[in-house]
N, C-alpha and C. Protein backbone atom coordinates (compact mmCIF):
# COMPACT_ATOMS: atom_id res chain seq x y z
N MET A 1 -161.96 2.55 111.29
CA MET A 1 -161.14 1.35 111.12
C MET A 1 -162.05 0.16 110.88
N GLN A 2 -161.68 -0.64 109.90
CA GLN A 2 -162.44 -1.85 109.60
C GLN A 2 -161.47 -3.01 109.49
N ASP A 3 -161.71 -4.04 110.27
CA ASP A 3 -160.91 -5.24 110.20
C ASP A 3 -161.67 -6.29 109.40
N ILE A 4 -160.93 -7.15 108.73
CA ILE A 4 -161.55 -8.24 107.97
C ILE A 4 -161.01 -9.57 108.49
N THR A 5 -161.71 -10.62 108.17
CA THR A 5 -161.28 -11.96 108.55
C THR A 5 -160.78 -12.69 107.32
N ILE A 6 -159.62 -13.31 107.46
CA ILE A 6 -159.00 -14.08 106.39
C ILE A 6 -158.65 -15.46 106.95
N LYS A 7 -158.83 -16.49 106.15
CA LYS A 7 -158.43 -17.85 106.56
C LYS A 7 -157.15 -18.19 105.82
N ILE A 8 -156.11 -18.51 106.58
CA ILE A 8 -154.81 -18.84 106.00
C ILE A 8 -154.37 -20.21 106.48
N THR A 9 -154.06 -21.10 105.54
CA THR A 9 -153.50 -22.40 105.87
C THR A 9 -152.00 -22.29 105.71
N ASP A 10 -151.27 -22.55 106.81
CA ASP A 10 -149.81 -22.41 106.76
C ASP A 10 -149.18 -23.62 106.07
N ARG A 11 -147.87 -23.62 105.96
CA ARG A 11 -147.15 -24.67 105.23
C ARG A 11 -147.18 -26.02 105.94
N ASP A 12 -147.60 -26.04 107.21
CA ASP A 12 -147.75 -27.30 107.94
C ASP A 12 -149.17 -27.84 107.84
N GLY A 13 -150.06 -27.08 107.16
CA GLY A 13 -151.44 -27.51 107.02
C GLY A 13 -152.37 -27.01 108.11
N THR A 14 -151.87 -26.20 109.03
CA THR A 14 -152.69 -25.65 110.09
C THR A 14 -153.47 -24.46 109.58
N LYS A 15 -154.78 -24.45 109.87
CA LYS A 15 -155.64 -23.35 109.43
C LYS A 15 -155.72 -22.28 110.51
N HIS A 16 -155.60 -21.03 110.08
CA HIS A 16 -155.65 -19.90 110.99
C HIS A 16 -156.74 -18.94 110.53
N HIS A 17 -157.55 -18.46 111.48
CA HIS A 17 -158.54 -17.42 111.20
C HIS A 17 -157.91 -16.13 111.70
N ILE A 18 -157.57 -15.26 110.76
CA ILE A 18 -156.81 -14.05 111.05
C ILE A 18 -157.69 -12.82 110.92
N VAL A 19 -157.51 -11.89 111.83
CA VAL A 19 -158.16 -10.59 111.72
C VAL A 19 -157.10 -9.63 111.19
N ALA A 20 -157.38 -9.04 110.04
CA ALA A 20 -156.41 -8.15 109.39
C ALA A 20 -156.99 -6.74 109.27
N PRO A 21 -156.18 -5.73 109.59
CA PRO A 21 -156.66 -4.35 109.48
C PRO A 21 -156.64 -3.86 108.03
N THR A 22 -157.64 -3.07 107.68
CA THR A 22 -157.68 -2.51 106.32
C THR A 22 -157.14 -1.09 106.29
N ASP A 23 -156.79 -0.55 107.44
CA ASP A 23 -156.38 0.86 107.50
C ASP A 23 -154.87 1.04 107.70
N MET A 24 -154.08 0.00 107.46
CA MET A 24 -152.64 0.10 107.69
C MET A 24 -151.81 -0.09 106.43
N ALA A 25 -152.46 -0.11 105.27
CA ALA A 25 -151.78 -0.27 103.98
C ALA A 25 -150.89 -1.51 103.95
N MET A 26 -151.38 -2.60 104.53
CA MET A 26 -150.64 -3.86 104.54
C MET A 26 -151.03 -4.69 103.33
N ASN A 27 -150.18 -5.67 103.01
CA ASN A 27 -150.53 -6.65 102.00
C ASN A 27 -150.59 -8.02 102.68
N LEU A 28 -151.02 -9.02 101.94
CA LEU A 28 -151.20 -10.36 102.50
C LEU A 28 -149.90 -10.92 103.06
N MET A 29 -148.80 -10.72 102.36
CA MET A 29 -147.50 -11.21 102.84
C MET A 29 -147.16 -10.60 104.20
N GLU A 30 -147.42 -9.30 104.37
CA GLU A 30 -147.12 -8.63 105.64
C GLU A 30 -148.00 -9.15 106.77
N VAL A 31 -149.23 -9.50 106.46
CA VAL A 31 -150.12 -10.08 107.47
C VAL A 31 -149.58 -11.44 107.90
N VAL A 32 -149.17 -12.26 106.94
CA VAL A 32 -148.59 -13.58 107.27
C VAL A 32 -147.37 -13.41 108.16
N ARG A 33 -146.52 -12.45 107.83
CA ARG A 33 -145.32 -12.20 108.64
C ARG A 33 -145.68 -11.69 110.03
N SER A 34 -146.63 -10.78 110.12
CA SER A 34 -146.97 -10.20 111.42
C SER A 34 -147.59 -11.23 112.36
N TYR A 35 -148.28 -12.22 111.81
CA TYR A 35 -148.85 -13.30 112.63
C TYR A 35 -147.88 -14.47 112.78
N GLU A 36 -146.68 -14.35 112.19
CA GLU A 36 -145.65 -15.38 112.26
C GLU A 36 -146.17 -16.75 111.83
N LEU A 37 -146.82 -16.78 110.65
CA LEU A 37 -147.38 -18.02 110.12
C LEU A 37 -146.38 -18.78 109.26
N ALA A 38 -145.20 -18.22 109.09
CA ALA A 38 -144.10 -18.89 108.38
C ALA A 38 -142.82 -18.53 109.12
N PRO A 39 -141.84 -19.44 109.17
CA PRO A 39 -140.59 -19.14 109.87
C PRO A 39 -139.91 -17.88 109.32
N GLU A 40 -139.29 -17.14 110.22
CA GLU A 40 -138.56 -15.92 109.86
C GLU A 40 -137.59 -16.21 108.72
N GLY A 41 -137.58 -15.35 107.73
CA GLY A 41 -136.66 -15.50 106.61
C GLY A 41 -137.14 -16.41 105.50
N THR A 42 -138.39 -16.92 105.60
CA THR A 42 -138.89 -17.82 104.56
C THR A 42 -140.03 -17.22 103.77
N ILE A 43 -140.48 -16.04 104.13
CA ILE A 43 -141.57 -15.39 103.40
C ILE A 43 -141.28 -13.90 103.30
N GLY A 44 -141.50 -13.36 102.13
CA GLY A 44 -141.23 -11.94 101.93
C GLY A 44 -139.75 -11.62 101.88
N VAL A 45 -138.97 -12.54 101.36
CA VAL A 45 -137.51 -12.41 101.33
C VAL A 45 -137.08 -11.14 100.59
N CYS A 46 -137.78 -10.80 99.51
CA CYS A 46 -137.40 -9.62 98.72
C CYS A 46 -138.01 -8.33 99.27
N GLY A 47 -138.77 -8.43 100.37
CA GLY A 47 -139.37 -7.24 100.96
C GLY A 47 -140.65 -6.81 100.29
N GLY A 48 -141.25 -7.66 99.50
CA GLY A 48 -142.52 -7.34 98.87
C GLY A 48 -142.41 -6.68 97.52
N MET A 49 -141.33 -6.95 96.80
CA MET A 49 -141.08 -6.32 95.51
C MET A 49 -141.45 -7.23 94.32
N ALA A 50 -142.12 -8.36 94.57
CA ALA A 50 -142.48 -9.33 93.53
C ALA A 50 -141.24 -9.85 92.80
N MET A 51 -140.16 -10.09 93.57
CA MET A 51 -138.92 -10.55 92.96
C MET A 51 -138.42 -11.89 93.47
N CYS A 52 -139.21 -12.58 94.34
CA CYS A 52 -138.68 -13.83 94.88
C CYS A 52 -139.69 -14.97 94.96
N ALA A 53 -140.96 -14.69 94.96
CA ALA A 53 -142.02 -15.69 95.06
C ALA A 53 -142.05 -16.44 96.38
N SER A 54 -141.33 -15.97 97.41
CA SER A 54 -141.38 -16.65 98.71
C SER A 54 -142.74 -16.49 99.39
N CYS A 55 -143.55 -15.54 98.94
CA CYS A 55 -144.87 -15.32 99.52
C CYS A 55 -145.98 -15.90 98.65
N GLN A 56 -145.61 -16.80 97.74
CA GLN A 56 -146.62 -17.39 96.86
C GLN A 56 -147.67 -18.11 97.70
N CYS A 57 -148.91 -17.94 97.30
CA CYS A 57 -150.00 -18.63 97.98
C CYS A 57 -151.03 -19.06 96.95
N TYR A 58 -151.89 -19.97 97.38
CA TYR A 58 -152.95 -20.47 96.52
C TYR A 58 -154.27 -19.88 97.01
N ILE A 59 -155.01 -19.26 96.12
CA ILE A 59 -156.29 -18.65 96.46
C ILE A 59 -157.35 -19.74 96.44
N LEU A 60 -158.00 -19.98 97.59
CA LEU A 60 -158.96 -21.07 97.70
C LEU A 60 -160.41 -20.60 97.62
N SER A 61 -160.64 -19.30 97.77
CA SER A 61 -162.00 -18.76 97.73
C SER A 61 -162.23 -18.03 96.42
N ASN A 62 -163.46 -17.64 96.18
CA ASN A 62 -163.82 -16.90 94.97
C ASN A 62 -163.74 -15.40 95.18
N THR A 63 -162.94 -14.97 96.12
CA THR A 63 -162.79 -13.55 96.44
C THR A 63 -162.19 -12.81 95.25
N GLU A 64 -162.77 -11.66 94.92
CA GLU A 64 -162.25 -10.87 93.81
C GLU A 64 -160.96 -10.18 94.24
N LEU A 65 -159.91 -10.40 93.45
CA LEU A 65 -158.59 -9.84 93.74
C LEU A 65 -158.18 -8.87 92.64
N PRO A 66 -157.20 -8.01 92.94
CA PRO A 66 -156.68 -7.16 91.88
C PRO A 66 -156.05 -8.03 90.79
N GLU A 67 -156.04 -7.51 89.57
CA GLU A 67 -155.45 -8.26 88.46
C GLU A 67 -153.95 -8.47 88.69
N ILE A 68 -153.44 -9.55 88.12
CA ILE A 68 -152.01 -9.83 88.21
C ILE A 68 -151.27 -8.83 87.33
N GLY A 69 -150.29 -8.15 87.92
CA GLY A 69 -149.47 -7.20 87.16
C GLY A 69 -148.35 -7.92 86.43
N ASP A 70 -147.65 -7.19 85.57
CA ASP A 70 -146.58 -7.78 84.77
C ASP A 70 -145.47 -8.38 85.63
N GLU A 71 -145.07 -7.67 86.71
CA GLU A 71 -143.99 -8.17 87.56
C GLU A 71 -144.39 -9.46 88.27
N GLU A 72 -145.62 -9.50 88.78
CA GLU A 72 -146.10 -10.70 89.46
C GLU A 72 -146.20 -11.86 88.48
N ASP A 73 -146.73 -11.60 87.31
CA ASP A 73 -146.86 -12.64 86.29
C ASP A 73 -145.50 -13.21 85.90
N ALA A 74 -144.52 -12.33 85.73
CA ALA A 74 -143.17 -12.76 85.36
C ALA A 74 -142.55 -13.61 86.48
N MET A 75 -142.74 -13.21 87.73
CA MET A 75 -142.17 -13.96 88.85
C MET A 75 -142.84 -15.33 88.97
N LEU A 76 -144.15 -15.38 88.81
CA LEU A 76 -144.85 -16.66 88.90
C LEU A 76 -144.45 -17.60 87.77
N SER A 77 -144.07 -17.05 86.63
CA SER A 77 -143.67 -17.91 85.51
C SER A 77 -142.34 -18.61 85.78
N GLU A 78 -141.57 -18.10 86.76
CA GLU A 78 -140.28 -18.69 87.11
C GLU A 78 -140.29 -19.44 88.44
N ALA A 79 -141.39 -19.35 89.18
CA ALA A 79 -141.45 -19.91 90.53
C ALA A 79 -141.73 -21.42 90.51
N PHE A 80 -141.47 -22.06 91.64
CA PHE A 80 -141.76 -23.47 91.83
C PHE A 80 -143.17 -23.62 92.39
N TYR A 81 -143.78 -24.78 92.22
CA TYR A 81 -145.08 -25.15 92.80
C TYR A 81 -146.22 -24.24 92.36
N VAL A 82 -146.11 -23.64 91.18
CA VAL A 82 -147.15 -22.72 90.70
C VAL A 82 -148.38 -23.52 90.25
N LYS A 83 -149.54 -23.02 90.62
CA LYS A 83 -150.82 -23.60 90.20
C LYS A 83 -151.64 -22.51 89.52
N GLN A 84 -152.78 -22.91 88.98
CA GLN A 84 -153.67 -21.94 88.32
C GLN A 84 -154.12 -20.84 89.28
N ASN A 85 -154.22 -21.16 90.57
CA ASN A 85 -154.72 -20.19 91.56
C ASN A 85 -153.59 -19.54 92.35
N SER A 86 -152.37 -19.59 91.84
CA SER A 86 -151.22 -18.98 92.53
C SER A 86 -151.23 -17.47 92.42
N ARG A 87 -150.87 -16.82 93.52
CA ARG A 87 -150.67 -15.37 93.55
C ARG A 87 -149.52 -15.09 94.51
N LEU A 88 -148.94 -13.91 94.40
CA LEU A 88 -147.93 -13.47 95.34
C LEU A 88 -148.63 -12.62 96.41
N GLY A 89 -148.47 -13.02 97.66
CA GLY A 89 -149.13 -12.30 98.74
C GLY A 89 -148.74 -10.84 98.83
N CYS A 90 -147.52 -10.52 98.43
CA CYS A 90 -147.05 -9.13 98.50
C CYS A 90 -147.78 -8.23 97.51
N GLN A 91 -148.48 -8.82 96.56
CA GLN A 91 -149.19 -8.04 95.54
C GLN A 91 -150.70 -7.98 95.79
N ILE A 92 -151.11 -8.42 96.99
CA ILE A 92 -152.53 -8.40 97.34
C ILE A 92 -152.73 -7.47 98.53
N PRO A 93 -153.13 -6.22 98.29
CA PRO A 93 -153.35 -5.28 99.39
C PRO A 93 -154.57 -5.69 100.21
N ILE A 94 -154.48 -5.49 101.51
CA ILE A 94 -155.58 -5.81 102.41
C ILE A 94 -156.62 -4.70 102.32
N THR A 95 -157.77 -5.04 101.78
CA THR A 95 -158.89 -4.10 101.66
C THR A 95 -160.15 -4.77 102.20
N ALA A 96 -161.18 -3.99 102.41
CA ALA A 96 -162.44 -4.52 102.92
C ALA A 96 -163.02 -5.59 101.99
N GLN A 97 -162.73 -5.49 100.69
CA GLN A 97 -163.26 -6.45 99.73
C GLN A 97 -162.68 -7.86 99.91
N LEU A 98 -161.60 -7.97 100.67
CA LEU A 98 -160.98 -9.29 100.88
C LEU A 98 -161.59 -10.07 102.04
N HIS A 99 -162.59 -9.49 102.71
CA HIS A 99 -163.21 -10.19 103.84
C HIS A 99 -163.66 -11.58 103.39
N GLY A 100 -163.24 -12.61 104.12
CA GLY A 100 -163.59 -13.99 103.79
C GLY A 100 -162.60 -14.69 102.88
N LEU A 101 -161.53 -14.00 102.49
CA LEU A 101 -160.51 -14.60 101.64
C LEU A 101 -159.94 -15.86 102.30
N GLU A 102 -159.74 -16.89 101.50
CA GLU A 102 -159.12 -18.13 101.98
C GLU A 102 -157.91 -18.42 101.11
N VAL A 103 -156.75 -18.61 101.76
CA VAL A 103 -155.52 -18.90 101.03
C VAL A 103 -154.75 -20.01 101.73
N GLU A 104 -153.88 -20.63 100.95
CA GLU A 104 -152.94 -21.63 101.48
C GLU A 104 -151.55 -21.20 101.05
N LEU A 105 -150.60 -21.17 101.96
CA LEU A 105 -149.24 -20.80 101.62
C LEU A 105 -148.61 -21.93 100.79
N ALA A 106 -147.96 -21.56 99.70
CA ALA A 106 -147.27 -22.53 98.85
C ALA A 106 -146.07 -23.09 99.60
N PRO A 107 -145.62 -24.29 99.24
CA PRO A 107 -144.43 -24.85 99.90
C PRO A 107 -143.22 -23.94 99.70
N GLU A 108 -142.32 -23.99 100.66
CA GLU A 108 -141.09 -23.21 100.56
C GLU A 108 -140.23 -23.79 99.44
N SER A 109 -139.67 -22.91 98.57
CA SER A 109 -138.85 -23.44 97.49
C SER A 109 -137.41 -23.54 97.89
């Protein structure tokens, strides 16, 4: 088992240093939910299917991420508050390569 450290800034601007497991097949959205960094029902509304953008976040570090897939790209093209560094947390699997990742949760739409 290998845990990684991720820095997440919640929607109130509070920074959290999170320890996330790499052996549970979780994604970033699920980590945010498990640590209750966003109010219940405001993140991961679609269950992680890249259909709602409620888990949109801004990538603040130079961490290498998986490429944006067609579904994620389409959802981000319709979402609010999108920036150049926007990604959907549900599409970012927690792996050892994400150690040191820094993200900020996008405002609730």
